[in-house]
Protein backbone atom coordinates (compact mmCIF):
# COMPACT_ATOMS: atom_id res chain seq x y z
CA MET A 1 -15.74 -15.72 -13.34
CA ASP A 2 -13.21 -16.91 -15.54
CA GLN A 3 -12.75 -13.29 -18.03
CA VAL A 4 -10.91 -12.54 -13.69
CA PRO A 5 -6.68 -13.82 -14.01
CA ASP A 6 -5.59 -15.31 -10.90
CA SER A 7 -3.27 -12.38 -10.29
CA ALA A 8 -6.57 -10.25 -9.55
CA ARG A 9 -8.96 -12.64 -7.83
CA HIS A 10 -7.13 -10.91 -4.11
CA LEU A 11 -8.90 -7.84 -4.75
CA ILE A 12 -12.62 -8.93 -4.92
CA GLU A 13 -12.27 -11.33 -1.72
CA CYS A 14 -15.12 -12.74 0.94
CA ASP A 15 -16.41 -9.47 2.68
CA THR A 16 -17.18 -11.96 5.64
CA GLU A 17 -15.28 -11.47 8.03
CA SER A 18 -12.10 -13.59 8.28
CA CYS A 19 -13.25 -15.16 5.11
CA ARG A 20 -9.85 -14.48 3.03
CA ASN A 21 -11.42 -16.67 -0.36
CA TYR A 22 -11.77 -14.95 -3.86
CA SER A 23 -16.04 -13.96 -4.44
CA GLU A 24 -17.77 -15.54 -6.93
CA PHE A 25 -20.76 -13.78 -5.63
CA TYR A 26 -22.33 -10.68 -4.75
CA CYS A 27 -25.16 -9.50 -2.41
CA ASN A 28 -27.01 -6.48 -4.35
CA THR A 29 -29.19 -5.87 -1.10
CA CYS A 30 -26.61 -5.18 1.99
CA HIS A 31 -23.83 -5.04 -1.26
CA GLN A 32 -21.62 -7.51 -0.03
CA ARG A 33 -18.65 -9.31 -2.40
CA ILE A 34 -19.72 -12.86 -0.82
CA CYS A 35 -18.35 -16.30 -1.51
CA ASP A 36 -19.59 -19.57 -2.09
CA HIS A 37 -19.31 -21.14 1.15
CA CYS A 38 -20.59 -18.10 2.82
CA LYS A 39 -23.35 -17.99 0.54
CA GLU A 40 -25.98 -20.04 2.28
CA ALA A 41 -24.71 -18.81 5.68
CA HIS A 42 -25.64 -15.28 3.98
CA LEU A 43 -29.21 -15.65 2.70
CA LYS A 44 -29.83 -17.79 6.23
CA GLU A 45 -28.80 -14.49 8.61
CA ASN A 46 -30.92 -12.20 5.76
CA THR A 47 -33.94 -13.44 5.03
CA GLY A 48 -34.83 -12.48 1.35
CA HIS A 49 -31.63 -10.64 0.46
CA GLU A 50 -30.53 -10.72 -3.75
CA ILE A 51 -27.42 -12.40 -3.67
CA VAL A 52 -25.81 -13.41 -7.46
CA ARG A 53 -23.26 -13.35 -9.71
CA TYR A 54 -19.71 -10.41 -9.59
CA HIS A 55 -20.20 -9.23 -12.43
CA GLU A 56 -23.67 -9.47 -12.60
CA ARG A 57 -24.14 -7.18 -9.61
CA LYS A 58 -25.78 -4.05 -8.73
CA ARG A 59 -23.38 -1.22 -8.05
CA LYS A 60 -24.14 0.60 -4.62
CA LEU A 61 -25.29 4.16 -5.34
CA PRO A 62 -22.79 7.17 -4.74
CA SER A 63 -23.38 8.62 -1.30
CA GLU A 64 -25.14 12.19 -1.61
CA LYS A 65 -26.38 13.91 2.07
CA CYS A 66 -29.59 16.07 1.44
CA ARG A 67 -28.82 19.22 2.13
CA ILE A 68 -31.89 19.34 4.48
CA HIS A 69 -30.90 16.62 6.00
CA PRO A 70 -27.44 16.16 6.78
CA ILE A 71 -27.55 12.63 7.94
CA LYS A 72 -29.90 11.60 5.44
CA ASP A 73 -28.23 10.27 2.17
CA ILE A 74 -30.11 11.00 -0.85
CA ASP A 75 -31.70 7.57 -2.48
CA VAL A 76 -35.47 8.58 -4.03
CA PHE A 77 -36.14 10.15 -7.07
CA CYS A 78 -39.55 11.98 -7.47
CA LYS A 79 -41.46 11.43 -10.59
CA PHE A 80 -43.03 14.77 -10.31
CA CYS A 81 -40.59 16.70 -9.94
CA GLN A 82 -38.01 15.20 -11.34
CA ASP A 83 -35.83 15.48 -8.12
CA PRO A 84 -33.38 13.30 -6.25
CA VAL A 85 -34.31 13.67 -2.51
CA CYS A 86 -33.46 12.02 0.55
CA SER A 87 -36.60 8.97 2.51
CA THR A 88 -37.66 12.24 5.17
CA CYS A 89 -38.24 14.92 2.16
CA PHE A 90 -39.75 12.37 0.89
CA ALA A 91 -42.49 11.88 2.71
CA GLN A 92 -42.72 15.66 4.13
CA GLU A 93 -43.01 17.52 0.55
CA HIS A 94 -43.85 14.39 -1.85
CA SER A 95 -45.32 12.13 0.06
CA ASP A 96 -48.27 12.37 -2.94
CA HIS A 97 -46.03 11.93 -5.88
CA ALA A 98 -44.32 8.26 -7.56
CA ASN A 99 -40.98 8.02 -6.65
CA SER A 100 -38.45 4.86 -7.84
CA ASP A 101 -35.44 3.48 -6.28
CA LEU A 102 -32.35 6.35 -7.09
CA GLU A 103 -29.86 2.78 -6.96
CA THR A 104 -32.09 1.78 -9.47
CA ILE A 105 -32.14 4.66 -11.72
CA TYR A 106 -28.11 4.69 -11.48
CA ASN A 107 -27.66 1.70 -12.78
CA ASP A 108 -30.22 1.83 -15.22
CA ILE A 109 -27.70 4.47 -16.36
CA LEU A 110 -24.77 2.81 -15.69
CA GLN A 111 -25.57 -0.47 -17.72
CA GLU A 112 -26.45 2.00 -20.29
CA CYS A 113 -23.01 3.55 -20.16
CA GLN A 114 -21.02 -0.28 -19.53
CA LYS A 115 -22.94 -0.89 -23.04
CA GLU A 116 -22.45 2.33 -25.44
CA MET A 117 -18.39 1.50 -23.72
CA THR A 118 -18.11 -1.64 -25.19
CA ASP A 119 -19.45 -0.68 -27.95
CA ILE A 120 -17.38 1.65 -28.93
CA TRP A 121 -14.16 -0.56 -28.50
CA LYS A 122 -15.47 -2.45 -30.98
CA THR A 123 -16.53 -0.26 -33.51
CA VAL A 124 -14.49 3.12 -32.82
CA ILE A 125 -10.92 2.67 -31.29
CA PRO A 126 -10.52 -0.90 -34.54
CA LYS A 127 -12.16 2.12 -37.42
CA ALA A 128 -10.30 4.39 -35.58
CA LYS A 129 -6.92 2.50 -35.96
CA GLU A 130 -7.66 1.03 -39.29
CA ASN A 131 -7.77 5.81 -39.84
CA ALA A 132 -4.31 5.78 -38.36
CA GLU A 133 -3.23 2.89 -40.77
CA SER A 134 -3.79 4.02 -43.46
CA ILE A 135 -2.79 7.82 -43.32
CA GLY A 136 0.39 6.51 -41.77
CA GLY A 137 0.99 4.52 -45.36
CA LYS A 138 -0.36 8.21 -46.78
CA ARG A 139 2.37 9.82 -45.31
CA GLU A 140 5.35 7.06 -45.96
CA ARG A 141 4.55 7.85 -50.21
CA MET A 142 4.11 11.55 -49.80
CA SER A 143 7.69 11.90 -48.30
CA ARG A 144 8.71 9.74 -50.35
CA LYS A 145 7.97 11.28 -53.08
CA LYS A 146 10.83 13.83 -54.34
CA LEU A 147 8.85 17.38 -53.98
CA PRO A 148 10.23 20.00 -56.35
CA SER A 149 11.56 22.88 -55.29
CA LEU A 150 10.57 25.57 -54.40
CA GLU A 151 13.13 28.43 -54.73
CA TYR A 152 12.70 32.17 -55.22
CA PRO A 153 13.79 33.84 -58.31
């Protein structure tokens, strides 16, 4: 994580209780920031969890409650109906349909958006700056020209 300046490291501290180390890692399974020191203990306590570098983390799906089951979060995407539903709705109404994990879909779309934003910053923004400078130069040349007087007879 060399991209994170020292002044910002306090913003991504380890989520392990009583640990204040800088988090280099992230558990995609339980959405916890983890430092190098706490990583092994986390894996021993939580077999099968996926730990990745912090900048490679999957974002947690924003929480939205089901209208039918208000204590349940919407977390499943029914491929047949093309609807996001909670796991209880899926089990009751969509059990014979194919599904996808909504968090995976969310992260795939988020990755696409981030790639598009990077492309915009690399191509569109420099071109816009170049155009603005060009227009500025033309405006300056026009203001130096003497325009004919537009007096009425």
